[in-house]
Amino acid sequence: MSPVIRADCPCPKTTCSRHTLCDECEAFRVARGKVPFCRQQKVSFLGRIRKMLGLR
């Protein structure tokens, strides 16, 4: 299976050796209990406040 190379990689760590290599990046971050940048949901500041207050 060939590696998935993503030219529009959302990761801000451009010097990382796994940058644009989705399969390697995902395995690396999941093994450390973290969510890969390409899988993170964008939540606004107001959305976080609403969630904390239980308004959602």
Protein backbone atom coordinates (compact mmCIF):
# COMPACT_ATOMS: atom_id res chain seq x y z
CA MET A 1 0.00 0.00 0.00
CA SER A 2 1.48 3.33 -1.00
CA PRO A 3 1.67 6.14 1.58
CA VAL A 4 -0.92 8.89 1.55
CA ILE A 5 0.77 12.18 0.68
CA ARG A 6 -1.33 15.25 1.31
CA ALA A 7 -0.14 18.45 -0.36
CA ASP A 8 -2.58 20.58 1.67
CA CYS A 9 -1.39 19.26 5.05
CA PRO A 10 -2.90 21.42 7.83
CA CYS A 11 -0.13 20.67 10.32
CA PRO A 12 1.76 23.81 11.39
CA LYS A 13 4.95 21.81 12.00
CA THR A 14 6.39 22.09 8.50
CA THR A 15 9.85 20.93 9.59
CA CYS A 16 8.49 17.61 10.89
CA SER A 17 9.76 14.56 9.00
CA ARG A 18 6.17 13.27 8.80
CA HIS A 19 4.74 16.50 7.32
CA THR A 20 2.42 15.62 4.38
CA LEU A 21 2.74 11.86 5.15
CA CYS A 22 -0.73 11.24 6.61
CA ASP A 23 -0.35 7.55 7.50
CA GLU A 24 2.92 8.04 9.38
CA CYS A 25 1.72 11.20 11.11
CA GLU A 26 -1.55 9.66 12.23
CA ALA A 27 0.16 6.53 13.61
CA PHE A 28 2.77 8.65 15.42
CA ARG A 29 0.23 10.99 17.05
CA VAL A 30 -2.30 8.28 17.95
CA ALA A 31 0.44 6.22 19.62
CA ARG A 32 1.05 9.22 21.87
CA GLY A 33 -2.64 9.73 22.64
CA LYS A 34 -3.04 12.81 20.45
CA VAL A 35 -5.35 13.66 17.58
CA PRO A 36 -3.69 14.39 14.22
CA PHE A 37 -4.11 17.97 12.99
CA CYS A 38 -6.03 16.79 9.92
CA ARG A 39 -8.62 15.06 12.16
CA GLN A 40 -9.14 17.89 14.65
CA GLN A 41 -12.45 19.69 14.62
CA LYS A 42 -12.43 23.46 14.36
CA VAL A 43 -14.29 24.91 17.34
CA SER A 44 -14.72 28.62 17.81
CA PHE A 45 -13.93 30.37 21.07
CA LEU A 46 -17.62 31.18 21.52
CA GLY A 47 -18.44 27.51 20.91
CA ARG A 48 -16.05 26.45 23.68
CA ILE A 49 -17.61 28.94 26.10
CA ARG A 50 -21.11 27.69 25.25
CA LYS A 51 -20.00 24.10 25.83
CA MET A 52 -18.46 25.00 29.20
CA LEU A 53 -21.67 26.75 30.28
CA GLY A 54 -23.81 23.87 29.05
CA LEU A 55 -25.67 26.01 26.52
CA ARG A 56 -25.21 23.58 23.64
